[in-house]
Amino acid sequence: MFRLSLKMTGRDWRAGQLRFLLVALIVAVAALSAVGFFVDRLRAGLNRDAHQLLGADLVISADQPVNAAWRAEAQKRGFILADTVTFPSMAQAGEGEQSLSQLASIKAVSPGYPQRGKLKITTTLSEAQDAVGRPTDQVPAPGTLWVDAAILSNLNAKLGDTLTLGDKAFTVTQLIASEPDRGASFLNFAPRVMLPLGDLAATALVQ
């Protein structure tokens, strides 16, 4: 029986039937491997992009300061924390009768923001409009603002000018080209004004 099986296998091989089956098997295995590789890469890319859209691995949102016990527990577990405070308010340029105001999406950020993705800034208007800029790990320095290009044109201002938020005046030093966690909420339809979190109290905008 075994010898007969060998003879029939040899005959089928010479006839080309087994070779066709072998080629089909190789193609099927290669296709499955390619699809599995593609799915793994796609899953990894989606996870990476999702984290970048959040600006972190995990975001906790609240309308009050986060409980101090939560922060202490997160730090105890080795998490790296960054804080942001976002709200709408008016930005003002100029003085007296020449002053102009613009509704802005104010965002105060702490060092370490963003934890995922890159904030890109520029000093060139065309680069800001095309979302082209240099990645940075920094946040605005005390007393300074980074803004969307639209807010400068709306307020007839330029880099180096002063914008007033609440009770405090700031110097505009950079244009925001790209912000990883910008999102599409109602607040973010207004032009962005970004300031250091340490300066937020001096504006008296948050009571």
N, C-alpha and C. Protein backbone atom coordinates (compact mmCIF):
# COMPACT_ATOMS: atom_id res chain seq x y z
N MET A 1 0.83 -1.20 0.00
CA MET A 1 0.00 0.00 0.00
C MET A 1 0.87 1.26 0.00
N PHE A 2 1.93 1.21 0.82
CA PHE A 2 2.82 2.36 0.91
C PHE A 2 3.53 2.60 -0.42
N ARG A 3 3.98 1.47 -1.05
CA ARG A 3 4.68 1.61 -2.33
C ARG A 3 3.73 2.13 -3.41
N LEU A 4 2.48 1.68 -3.33
CA LEU A 4 1.50 2.16 -4.29
C LEU A 4 1.25 3.66 -4.13
N SER A 5 1.23 4.10 -2.88
CA SER A 5 1.03 5.53 -2.61
C SER A 5 2.18 6.36 -3.16
N LEU A 6 3.40 5.83 -2.99
CA LEU A 6 4.56 6.54 -3.53
C LEU A 6 4.50 6.63 -5.04
N LYS A 7 4.10 5.52 -5.70
CA LYS A 7 4.00 5.53 -7.16
C LYS A 7 2.97 6.55 -7.64
N MET A 8 1.81 6.58 -6.96
CA MET A 8 0.77 7.52 -7.37
C MET A 8 1.21 8.97 -7.12
N THR A 9 1.94 9.19 -6.01
CA THR A 9 2.44 10.53 -5.72
C THR A 9 3.44 10.97 -6.78
N GLY A 10 4.36 10.03 -7.16
CA GLY A 10 5.33 10.34 -8.20
C GLY A 10 4.66 10.63 -9.53
N ARG A 11 3.63 9.87 -9.85
CA ARG A 11 2.91 10.10 -11.11
C ARG A 11 2.22 11.46 -11.12
N ASP A 12 1.58 11.81 -10.00
CA ASP A 12 0.91 13.11 -9.92
C ASP A 12 1.91 14.26 -9.98
N TRP A 13 3.10 14.04 -9.37
CA TRP A 13 4.14 15.08 -9.40
C TRP A 13 4.62 15.32 -10.83
N ARG A 14 4.85 14.19 -11.56
CA ARG A 14 5.29 14.33 -12.94
C ARG A 14 4.20 14.95 -13.82
N ALA A 15 2.97 14.69 -13.49
CA ALA A 15 1.87 15.26 -14.27
C ALA A 15 1.66 16.75 -13.97
N GLY A 16 2.27 17.23 -12.87
CA GLY A 16 2.18 18.65 -12.53
C GLY A 16 1.07 19.01 -11.57
N GLN A 17 0.24 18.02 -11.18
CA GLN A 17 -0.88 18.33 -10.30
C GLN A 17 -0.39 18.72 -8.90
N LEU A 18 0.58 17.97 -8.38
CA LEU A 18 1.07 18.27 -7.04
C LEU A 18 1.84 19.60 -7.01
N ARG A 19 2.56 19.87 -8.11
CA ARG A 19 3.29 21.13 -8.16
C ARG A 19 2.32 22.32 -8.12
N PHE A 20 1.22 22.17 -8.83
CA PHE A 20 0.20 23.23 -8.81
C PHE A 20 -0.37 23.40 -7.40
N LEU A 21 -0.62 22.25 -6.71
CA LEU A 21 -1.15 22.30 -5.35
C LEU A 21 -0.14 22.92 -4.40
N LEU A 22 1.16 22.61 -4.59
CA LEU A 22 2.19 23.18 -3.73
C LEU A 22 2.29 24.69 -3.91
N VAL A 23 2.25 25.13 -5.17
CA VAL A 23 2.30 26.57 -5.44
C VAL A 23 1.09 27.27 -4.82
N ALA A 24 -0.09 26.65 -4.95
CA ALA A 24 -1.30 27.23 -4.37
C ALA A 24 -1.18 27.33 -2.85
N LEU A 25 -0.60 26.29 -2.24
CA LEU A 25 -0.42 26.29 -0.79
C LEU A 25 0.55 27.39 -0.36
N ILE A 26 1.63 27.58 -1.10
CA ILE A 26 2.61 28.62 -0.78
C ILE A 26 1.97 30.00 -0.89
N VAL A 27 1.19 30.20 -1.96
CA VAL A 27 0.53 31.49 -2.15
C VAL A 27 -0.47 31.76 -1.02
N ALA A 28 -1.21 30.73 -0.60
CA ALA A 28 -2.20 30.90 0.47
C ALA A 28 -1.53 31.27 1.79
N VAL A 29 -0.42 30.58 2.11
CA VAL A 29 0.30 30.86 3.35
C VAL A 29 0.88 32.28 3.32
N ALA A 30 1.46 32.65 2.16
CA ALA A 30 2.03 33.99 2.03
C ALA A 30 0.96 35.06 2.17
N ALA A 31 -0.22 34.81 1.58
CA ALA A 31 -1.31 35.78 1.67
C ALA A 31 -1.79 35.95 3.11
N LEU A 32 -1.94 34.83 3.80
CA LEU A 32 -2.38 34.91 5.20
C LEU A 32 -1.35 35.64 6.06
N SER A 33 -0.06 35.34 5.81
CA SER A 33 1.00 36.01 6.57
C SER A 33 1.00 37.51 6.30
N ALA A 34 0.82 37.89 5.02
CA ALA A 34 0.81 39.31 4.66
C ALA A 34 -0.37 40.03 5.30
N VAL A 35 -1.54 39.39 5.27
CA VAL A 35 -2.73 40.01 5.88
C VAL A 35 -2.53 40.16 7.38
N GLY A 36 -2.00 39.13 8.03
CA GLY A 36 -1.75 39.22 9.47
C GLY A 36 -0.77 40.33 9.81
N PHE A 37 0.30 40.46 9.01
CA PHE A 37 1.29 41.51 9.23
C PHE A 37 0.65 42.89 9.05
N PHE A 38 -0.17 43.02 7.98
CA PHE A 38 -0.84 44.30 7.71
C PHE A 38 -1.78 44.68 8.85
N VAL A 39 -2.55 43.70 9.36
CA VAL A 39 -3.49 43.98 10.45
C VAL A 39 -2.74 44.40 11.71
N ASP A 40 -1.61 43.73 12.01
CA ASP A 40 -0.82 44.11 13.19
C ASP A 40 -0.29 45.53 13.07
N ARG A 41 0.23 45.86 11.87
CA ARG A 41 0.76 47.21 11.67
C ARG A 41 -0.36 48.25 11.76
N LEU A 42 -1.53 47.92 11.21
CA LEU A 42 -2.66 48.83 11.25
C LEU A 42 -3.12 49.05 12.69
N ARG A 43 -3.18 47.97 13.47
CA ARG A 43 -3.59 48.09 14.87
C ARG A 43 -2.60 48.95 15.64
N ALA A 44 -1.30 48.72 15.42
CA ALA A 44 -0.29 49.51 16.12
C ALA A 44 -0.38 50.98 15.72
N GLY A 45 -0.63 51.24 14.43
CA GLY A 45 -0.76 52.62 13.98
C GLY A 45 -1.97 53.32 14.57
N LEU A 46 -3.09 52.61 14.64
CA LEU A 46 -4.30 53.19 15.23
C LEU A 46 -4.11 53.49 16.71
N ASN A 47 -3.46 52.57 17.42
CA ASN A 47 -3.20 52.81 18.84
C ASN A 47 -2.30 54.03 19.03
N ARG A 48 -1.26 54.13 18.18
CA ARG A 48 -0.35 55.27 18.29
C ARG A 48 -1.07 56.56 18.00
N ASP A 49 -1.88 56.58 16.92
CA ASP A 49 -2.59 57.81 16.56
C ASP A 49 -3.63 58.18 17.59
N ALA A 50 -4.28 57.17 18.19
CA ALA A 50 -5.27 57.45 19.23
C ALA A 50 -4.62 58.14 20.42
N HIS A 51 -3.44 57.66 20.82
CA HIS A 51 -2.73 58.28 21.94
C HIS A 51 -2.30 59.70 21.59
N GLN A 52 -1.89 59.91 20.34
CA GLN A 52 -1.48 61.25 19.94
C GLN A 52 -2.66 62.21 19.90
N LEU A 53 -3.83 61.71 19.51
CA LEU A 53 -5.01 62.57 19.50
C LEU A 53 -5.40 62.98 20.92
N LEU A 54 -5.10 62.14 21.88
CA LEU A 54 -5.36 62.49 23.28
C LEU A 54 -4.24 63.35 23.85
N GLY A 55 -3.05 63.24 23.25
CA GLY A 55 -1.90 63.93 23.81
C GLY A 55 -1.30 63.20 24.99
N ALA A 56 -1.80 61.99 25.27
CA ALA A 56 -1.34 61.20 26.41
C ALA A 56 -1.90 59.79 26.28
N ASP A 57 -1.50 58.91 27.18
CA ASP A 57 -2.08 57.57 27.21
C ASP A 57 -3.46 57.57 27.84
N LEU A 58 -3.69 58.50 28.76
CA LEU A 58 -4.96 58.58 29.48
C LEU A 58 -5.25 60.04 29.80
N VAL A 59 -6.50 60.44 29.60
CA VAL A 59 -6.91 61.81 29.90
C VAL A 59 -8.05 61.79 30.90
N ILE A 60 -7.93 62.58 31.94
CA ILE A 60 -9.00 62.75 32.93
C ILE A 60 -9.52 64.17 32.78
N SER A 61 -10.81 64.31 32.48
CA SER A 61 -11.42 65.62 32.30
C SER A 61 -12.37 65.90 33.46
N ALA A 62 -12.34 67.13 33.93
CA ALA A 62 -13.22 67.51 35.03
C ALA A 62 -13.43 69.02 34.99
N ASP A 63 -14.54 69.48 35.59
CA ASP A 63 -14.78 70.91 35.67
C ASP A 63 -14.28 71.50 36.99
N GLN A 64 -13.60 70.68 37.78
CA GLN A 64 -12.97 71.11 39.02
C GLN A 64 -11.57 70.52 39.06
N PRO A 65 -10.66 71.08 39.86
CA PRO A 65 -9.33 70.49 39.97
C PRO A 65 -9.41 69.01 40.35
N VAL A 66 -8.54 68.22 39.76
CA VAL A 66 -8.53 66.78 40.03
C VAL A 66 -8.19 66.54 41.49
N ASN A 67 -8.88 65.58 42.09
CA ASN A 67 -8.67 65.24 43.50
C ASN A 67 -7.20 65.00 43.79
N ALA A 68 -6.69 65.62 44.84
CA ALA A 68 -5.27 65.50 45.19
C ALA A 68 -4.89 64.05 45.49
N ALA A 69 -5.82 63.28 46.03
CA ALA A 69 -5.53 61.88 46.33
C ALA A 69 -5.29 61.09 45.04
N TRP A 70 -6.04 61.42 43.98
CA TRP A 70 -5.83 60.76 42.69
C TRP A 70 -4.44 61.05 42.16
N ARG A 71 -4.05 62.33 42.26
CA ARG A 71 -2.72 62.71 41.77
C ARG A 71 -1.63 62.00 42.55
N ALA A 72 -1.80 61.95 43.85
CA ALA A 72 -0.79 61.29 44.69
C ALA A 72 -0.68 59.81 44.34
N GLU A 73 -1.82 59.15 44.11
CA GLU A 73 -1.80 57.74 43.76
C GLU A 73 -1.16 57.52 42.39
N ALA A 74 -1.45 58.41 41.43
CA ALA A 74 -0.85 58.29 40.09
C ALA A 74 0.66 58.45 40.16
N GLN A 75 1.13 59.42 40.94
CA GLN A 75 2.57 59.62 41.08
C GLN A 75 3.22 58.45 41.81
N LYS A 76 2.50 57.89 42.78
CA LYS A 76 3.01 56.73 43.50
C LYS A 76 3.20 55.55 42.57
N ARG A 77 2.33 55.42 41.57
CA ARG A 77 2.41 54.33 40.60
C ARG A 77 3.38 54.62 39.45
N GLY A 78 4.01 55.76 39.50
CA GLY A 78 5.03 56.08 38.50
C GLY A 78 4.51 56.76 37.25
N PHE A 79 3.26 57.25 37.25
CA PHE A 79 2.73 57.94 36.08
C PHE A 79 3.34 59.33 35.98
N ILE A 80 3.55 59.78 34.75
CA ILE A 80 4.00 61.14 34.48
C ILE A 80 2.78 61.99 34.18
N LEU A 81 2.65 63.09 34.89
CA LEU A 81 1.43 63.91 34.80
C LEU A 81 1.71 65.24 34.10
N ALA A 82 0.72 65.71 33.38
CA ALA A 82 0.74 67.06 32.81
C ALA A 82 -0.68 67.61 32.94
N ASP A 83 -0.78 68.90 33.18
CA ASP A 83 -2.08 69.53 33.39
C ASP A 83 -2.39 70.53 32.29
N THR A 84 -3.66 70.58 31.91
CA THR A 84 -4.15 71.61 30.98
C THR A 84 -5.47 72.15 31.51
N VAL A 85 -5.70 73.42 31.26
CA VAL A 85 -6.97 74.06 31.59
C VAL A 85 -7.43 74.79 30.33
N THR A 86 -8.62 74.44 29.83
CA THR A 86 -9.11 75.00 28.57
C THR A 86 -10.48 75.64 28.78
N PHE A 87 -10.66 76.83 28.26
CA PHE A 87 -11.94 77.53 28.39
C PHE A 87 -11.98 78.69 27.39
N PRO A 88 -13.17 79.16 27.02
CA PRO A 88 -13.26 80.32 26.11
C PRO A 88 -13.15 81.62 26.88
N SER A 89 -12.52 82.59 26.27
CA SER A 89 -12.44 83.93 26.86
C SER A 89 -12.05 84.91 25.76
N MET A 90 -11.96 86.18 26.13
CA MET A 90 -11.63 87.21 25.16
C MET A 90 -10.14 87.55 25.26
N ALA A 91 -9.51 87.67 24.10
CA ALA A 91 -8.14 88.18 24.02
C ALA A 91 -8.21 89.58 23.44
N GLN A 92 -7.41 90.49 23.98
CA GLN A 92 -7.47 91.89 23.57
C GLN A 92 -6.10 92.36 23.12
N ALA A 93 -6.08 93.12 22.04
CA ALA A 93 -4.85 93.74 21.54
C ALA A 93 -5.09 95.24 21.41
N GLY A 94 -4.04 96.01 21.65
CA GLY A 94 -4.17 97.47 21.55
C GLY A 94 -4.73 98.09 22.82
N GLU A 95 -4.81 99.40 22.79
CA GLU A 95 -5.28 100.13 23.96
C GLU A 95 -6.28 101.19 23.55
N GLY A 96 -7.14 101.54 24.49
CA GLY A 96 -8.10 102.62 24.27
C GLY A 96 -9.03 102.34 23.11
N GLU A 97 -9.26 103.39 22.30
CA GLU A 97 -10.19 103.26 21.18
C GLU A 97 -9.64 102.36 20.07
N GLN A 98 -8.34 102.13 20.09
CA GLN A 98 -7.71 101.30 19.06
C GLN A 98 -7.70 99.81 19.44
N SER A 99 -8.22 99.49 20.59
CA SER A 99 -8.17 98.10 21.04
C SER A 99 -9.16 97.24 20.27
N LEU A 100 -8.79 95.98 20.06
CA LEU A 100 -9.64 95.00 19.40
C LEU A 100 -9.72 93.77 20.28
N SER A 101 -10.88 93.10 20.25
CA SER A 101 -11.06 91.89 21.04
C SER A 101 -11.46 90.74 20.14
N GLN A 102 -11.11 89.53 20.57
CA GLN A 102 -11.41 88.32 19.80
C GLN A 102 -11.69 87.18 20.76
N LEU A 103 -12.80 86.47 20.50
CA LEU A 103 -13.07 85.27 21.29
C LEU A 103 -12.00 84.24 20.98
N ALA A 104 -11.41 83.67 22.01
CA ALA A 104 -10.32 82.71 21.84
C ALA A 104 -10.55 81.50 22.71
N SER A 105 -9.95 80.40 22.30
CA SER A 105 -9.94 79.20 23.13
C SER A 105 -8.65 79.21 23.94
N ILE A 106 -8.76 79.57 25.19
CA ILE A 106 -7.59 79.69 26.06
C ILE A 106 -7.17 78.31 26.55
N LYS A 107 -5.88 78.04 26.49
CA LYS A 107 -5.38 76.76 26.98
C LYS A 107 -4.11 77.01 27.80
N ALA A 108 -4.20 76.74 29.09
CA ALA A 108 -3.04 76.86 29.97
C ALA A 108 -2.43 75.47 30.14
N VAL A 109 -1.13 75.36 29.94
CA VAL A 109 -0.48 74.05 29.94
C VAL A 109 0.71 74.04 30.90
N SER A 110 0.93 72.89 31.49
CA SER A 110 2.06 72.71 32.40
C SER A 110 3.23 72.09 31.65
N PRO A 111 4.45 72.18 32.21
CA PRO A 111 5.59 71.48 31.59
C PRO A 111 5.27 69.98 31.44
N GLY A 112 5.74 69.40 30.36
CA GLY A 112 5.45 68.00 30.09
C GLY A 112 4.33 67.80 29.09
N TYR A 113 3.60 68.87 28.77
CA TYR A 113 2.54 68.78 27.77
C TYR A 113 3.16 68.92 26.38
N PRO A 114 2.70 68.18 25.36
CA PRO A 114 1.87 66.97 25.47
C PRO A 114 2.74 65.76 25.75
N GLN A 115 2.17 64.73 26.32
CA GLN A 115 2.94 63.53 26.62
C GLN A 115 3.00 62.57 25.44
N ARG A 116 2.09 62.71 24.51
CA ARG A 116 2.10 61.93 23.26
C ARG A 116 1.95 62.89 22.10
N GLY A 117 2.60 62.58 20.99
CA GLY A 117 2.57 63.49 19.86
C GLY A 117 3.48 64.67 20.11
N LYS A 118 3.51 65.58 19.15
CA LYS A 118 4.38 66.75 19.24
C LYS A 118 3.61 68.02 18.94
N LEU A 119 3.82 69.01 19.77
CA LEU A 119 3.34 70.35 19.49
C LEU A 119 4.33 70.99 18.53
N LYS A 120 3.84 71.59 17.44
CA LYS A 120 4.72 72.22 16.46
C LYS A 120 4.48 73.73 16.45
N ILE A 121 5.57 74.48 16.48
CA ILE A 121 5.47 75.94 16.51
C ILE A 121 6.34 76.52 15.39
N THR A 122 6.07 77.78 15.07
CA THR A 122 6.82 78.45 14.02
C THR A 122 6.71 79.95 14.24
N THR A 123 7.55 80.69 13.55
CA THR A 123 7.45 82.15 13.56
C THR A 123 7.04 82.67 12.18
N THR A 124 6.70 81.76 11.29
CA THR A 124 6.34 82.11 9.92
C THR A 124 4.86 81.88 9.69
N LEU A 125 4.16 82.89 9.22
CA LEU A 125 2.71 82.81 9.04
C LEU A 125 2.33 81.72 8.05
N SER A 126 3.03 81.61 6.94
CA SER A 126 2.69 80.62 5.92
C SER A 126 2.87 79.20 6.46
N GLU A 127 3.91 78.98 7.25
CA GLU A 127 4.13 77.65 7.84
C GLU A 127 3.02 77.31 8.82
N ALA A 128 2.58 78.27 9.60
CA ALA A 128 1.50 78.03 10.56
C ALA A 128 0.21 77.68 9.82
N GLN A 129 -0.07 78.37 8.73
CA GLN A 129 -1.29 78.09 7.97
C GLN A 129 -1.24 76.73 7.30
N ASP A 130 -0.04 76.26 6.96
CA ASP A 130 0.12 74.94 6.32
C ASP A 130 0.40 73.84 7.33
N ALA A 131 0.29 74.15 8.63
CA ALA A 131 0.55 73.18 9.71
C ALA A 131 1.96 72.62 9.63
N VAL A 132 2.90 73.47 9.23
CA VAL A 132 4.31 73.06 9.17
C VAL A 132 5.08 73.87 10.21
N GLY A 133 5.80 73.19 11.05
CA GLY A 133 6.57 73.88 12.07
C GLY A 133 7.59 72.94 12.68
N ARG A 134 8.32 73.43 13.66
CA ARG A 134 9.32 72.59 14.32
C ARG A 134 8.72 71.98 15.59
N PRO A 135 8.91 70.67 15.78
CA PRO A 135 8.41 70.05 17.01
C PRO A 135 9.13 70.61 18.23
N THR A 136 8.41 70.73 19.33
CA THR A 136 9.01 71.23 20.55
C THR A 136 8.52 70.44 21.75
N ASP A 137 9.39 70.30 22.73
CA ASP A 137 9.02 69.67 24.01
C ASP A 137 8.77 70.72 25.08
N GLN A 138 8.83 71.98 24.69
CA GLN A 138 8.67 73.07 25.64
C GLN A 138 7.22 73.56 25.67
N VAL A 139 6.92 74.40 26.64
CA VAL A 139 5.64 75.12 26.71
C VAL A 139 5.98 76.61 26.75
N PRO A 140 4.99 77.48 26.56
CA PRO A 140 5.30 78.92 26.59
C PRO A 140 6.00 79.33 27.89
N ALA A 141 6.98 80.21 27.74
CA ALA A 141 7.70 80.73 28.91
C ALA A 141 6.78 81.67 29.69
N PRO A 142 7.06 81.90 30.97
CA PRO A 142 6.25 82.83 31.75
C PRO A 142 6.15 84.20 31.07
N GLY A 143 4.93 84.72 31.04
CA GLY A 143 4.72 86.03 30.43
C GLY A 143 4.56 86.02 28.92
N THR A 144 4.55 84.83 28.30
CA THR A 144 4.44 84.76 26.84
C THR A 144 3.24 83.91 26.43
N LEU A 145 2.84 84.09 25.16
CA LEU A 145 1.75 83.31 24.58
C LEU A 145 2.20 82.70 23.27
N TRP A 146 1.63 81.52 22.96
CA TRP A 146 1.69 80.95 21.62
C TRP A 146 0.27 80.96 21.09
N VAL A 147 0.10 81.36 19.85
CA VAL A 147 -1.27 81.57 19.34
C VAL A 147 -1.43 80.99 17.94
N ASP A 148 -2.69 80.74 17.56
CA ASP A 148 -3.01 80.43 16.18
C ASP A 148 -2.79 81.67 15.32
N ALA A 149 -2.41 81.45 14.07
CA ALA A 149 -2.16 82.58 13.18
C ALA A 149 -3.42 83.43 13.01
N ALA A 150 -4.60 82.80 13.05
CA ALA A 150 -5.85 83.53 12.80
C ALA A 150 -6.07 84.64 13.81
N ILE A 151 -5.64 84.44 15.04
CA ILE A 151 -5.94 85.45 16.06
C ILE A 151 -5.14 86.71 15.84
N LEU A 152 -3.92 86.57 15.28
CA LEU A 152 -3.13 87.76 15.00
C LEU A 152 -3.75 88.59 13.88
N SER A 153 -4.19 87.91 12.82
CA SER A 153 -4.81 88.64 11.72
C SER A 153 -6.13 89.28 12.16
N ASN A 154 -6.89 88.61 13.02
CA ASN A 154 -8.16 89.17 13.49
C ASN A 154 -7.96 90.38 14.39
N LEU A 155 -6.81 90.41 15.07
CA LEU A 155 -6.54 91.50 16.00
C LEU A 155 -5.54 92.51 15.44
N ASN A 156 -5.21 92.36 14.16
CA ASN A 156 -4.21 93.25 13.53
C ASN A 156 -2.93 93.31 14.34
N ALA A 157 -2.50 92.15 14.82
CA ALA A 157 -1.30 92.06 15.64
C ALA A 157 -0.24 91.23 14.92
N LYS A 158 0.94 91.18 15.53
CA LYS A 158 2.04 90.40 14.97
C LYS A 158 2.88 89.84 16.10
N LEU A 159 3.80 88.95 15.76
CA LEU A 159 4.69 88.39 16.77
C LEU A 159 5.45 89.52 17.46
N GLY A 160 5.57 89.41 18.77
CA GLY A 160 6.23 90.44 19.56
C GLY A 160 5.26 91.44 20.15
N ASP A 161 4.01 91.47 19.64
CA ASP A 161 3.01 92.38 20.20
C ASP A 161 2.47 91.83 21.53
N THR A 162 1.70 92.68 22.19
CA THR A 162 1.13 92.31 23.48
C THR A 162 -0.34 91.99 23.34
N LEU A 163 -0.74 90.87 23.93
CA LEU A 163 -2.16 90.52 24.04
C LEU A 163 -2.50 90.48 25.52
N THR A 164 -3.70 90.92 25.83
CA THR A 164 -4.15 90.93 27.22
C THR A 164 -5.21 89.86 27.43
N LEU A 165 -5.00 89.06 28.44
CA LEU A 165 -5.99 88.06 28.87
C LEU A 165 -6.39 88.41 30.29
N GLY A 166 -7.62 88.84 30.47
CA GLY A 166 -8.05 89.21 31.81
C GLY A 166 -7.23 90.36 32.36
N ASP A 167 -6.56 90.12 33.49
CA ASP A 167 -5.80 91.17 34.16
C ASP A 167 -4.32 91.18 33.79
N LYS A 168 -3.90 90.30 32.88
CA LYS A 168 -2.46 90.19 32.62
C LYS A 168 -2.15 90.36 31.13
N ALA A 169 -1.07 91.07 30.85
CA ALA A 169 -0.60 91.26 29.48
C ALA A 169 0.51 90.26 29.18
N PHE A 170 0.51 89.74 27.97
CA PHE A 170 1.49 88.75 27.54
C PHE A 170 2.11 89.18 26.22
N THR A 171 3.29 88.67 25.95
CA THR A 171 3.96 88.89 24.66
C THR A 171 3.79 87.65 23.79
N VAL A 172 3.36 87.85 22.56
CA VAL A 172 3.20 86.73 21.62
C VAL A 172 4.56 86.40 21.02
N THR A 173 5.01 85.16 21.21
CA THR A 173 6.35 84.80 20.75
C THR A 173 6.37 83.70 19.68
N GLN A 174 5.30 82.89 19.57
CA GLN A 174 5.30 81.81 18.60
C GLN A 174 3.90 81.63 18.03
N LEU A 175 3.86 81.07 16.81
CA LEU A 175 2.61 80.65 16.20
C LEU A 175 2.47 79.14 16.35
N ILE A 176 1.27 78.67 16.62
CA ILE A 176 1.01 77.24 16.74
C ILE A 176 0.72 76.69 15.36
N ALA A 177 1.56 75.75 14.91
CA ALA A 177 1.36 75.12 13.61
C ALA A 177 0.52 73.85 13.73
N SER A 178 0.75 73.09 14.78
CA SER A 178 0.03 71.82 14.97
C SER A 178 -0.05 71.51 16.45
N GLU A 179 -1.23 71.07 16.85
CA GLU A 179 -1.49 70.75 18.26
C GLU A 179 -2.11 69.35 18.31
N PRO A 180 -1.42 68.35 18.86
CA PRO A 180 -1.87 66.96 18.72
C PRO A 180 -3.24 66.66 19.29
N ASP A 181 -3.61 67.29 20.40
CA ASP A 181 -4.88 66.96 21.05
C ASP A 181 -5.93 68.05 20.84
N ARG A 182 -5.84 68.76 19.73
CA ARG A 182 -6.74 69.89 19.50
C ARG A 182 -8.20 69.45 19.53
N GLY A 183 -8.53 68.34 18.88
CA GLY A 183 -9.91 67.85 18.91
C GLY A 183 -10.85 68.75 18.13
N ALA A 184 -12.14 68.47 18.27
CA ALA A 184 -13.15 69.20 17.50
C ALA A 184 -14.30 69.66 18.38
N SER A 185 -14.04 69.94 19.64
CA SER A 185 -15.11 70.39 20.52
C SER A 185 -15.48 71.84 20.19
N PHE A 186 -16.60 72.29 20.75
CA PHE A 186 -17.07 73.65 20.49
C PHE A 186 -16.02 74.69 20.87
N LEU A 187 -15.32 74.47 21.99
CA LEU A 187 -14.34 75.43 22.45
C LEU A 187 -13.22 75.61 21.44
N ASN A 188 -12.88 74.53 20.72
CA ASN A 188 -11.72 74.56 19.85
C ASN A 188 -11.99 75.15 18.47
N PHE A 189 -13.22 75.61 18.22
CA PHE A 189 -13.49 76.29 16.96
C PHE A 189 -12.95 77.72 16.99
N ALA A 190 -12.77 78.27 18.16
CA ALA A 190 -12.16 79.59 18.29
C ALA A 190 -10.65 79.45 18.17
N PRO A 191 -9.95 80.50 17.73
CA PRO A 191 -8.48 80.42 17.63
C PRO A 191 -7.86 80.14 18.99
N ARG A 192 -6.80 79.35 18.97
CA ARG A 192 -6.13 78.94 20.21
C ARG A 192 -5.19 80.03 20.71
N VAL A 193 -5.20 80.23 22.02
CA VAL A 193 -4.20 81.02 22.73
C VAL A 193 -3.66 80.14 23.84
N MET A 194 -2.36 79.87 23.81
CA MET A 194 -1.75 78.96 24.78
C MET A 194 -0.81 79.73 25.70
N LEU A 195 -0.94 79.51 26.99
CA LEU A 195 -0.12 80.19 27.97
C LEU A 195 0.39 79.19 29.00
N PRO A 196 1.42 79.54 29.75
CA PRO A 196 1.89 78.64 30.81
C PRO A 196 0.90 78.57 31.95
N LEU A 197 0.71 77.38 32.49
CA LEU A 197 -0.27 77.20 33.56
C LEU A 197 0.05 78.07 34.76
N GLY A 198 1.33 78.33 35.01
CA GLY A 198 1.72 79.15 36.15
C GLY A 198 1.24 80.59 36.08
N ASP A 199 0.91 81.06 34.86
CA ASP A 199 0.44 82.43 34.70
C ASP A 199 -1.08 82.56 34.74
N LEU A 200 -1.78 81.43 34.80
CA LEU A 200 -3.24 81.47 34.70
C LEU A 200 -3.86 82.25 35.85
N ALA A 201 -3.37 82.05 37.06
CA ALA A 201 -3.97 82.73 38.21
C ALA A 201 -3.88 84.24 38.07
N ALA A 202 -2.79 84.73 37.46
CA ALA A 202 -2.58 86.19 37.34
C ALA A 202 -3.59 86.82 36.40
N THR A 203 -4.19 86.05 35.52
CA THR A 203 -5.20 86.61 34.60
C THR A 203 -6.53 86.84 35.29
N ALA A 204 -6.78 86.17 36.39
CA ALA A 204 -8.05 86.24 37.12
C ALA A 204 -9.23 85.80 36.28
N LEU A 205 -8.97 85.01 35.24
CA LEU A 205 -10.06 84.52 34.39
C LEU A 205 -10.78 83.32 35.00
N VAL A 206 -10.09 82.61 35.88
CA VAL A 206 -10.69 81.45 36.54
C VAL A 206 -10.86 81.79 38.01
N GLN A 207 -12.11 81.82 38.45
CA GLN A 207 -12.41 82.20 39.83
C GLN A 207 -12.78 80.97 40.65
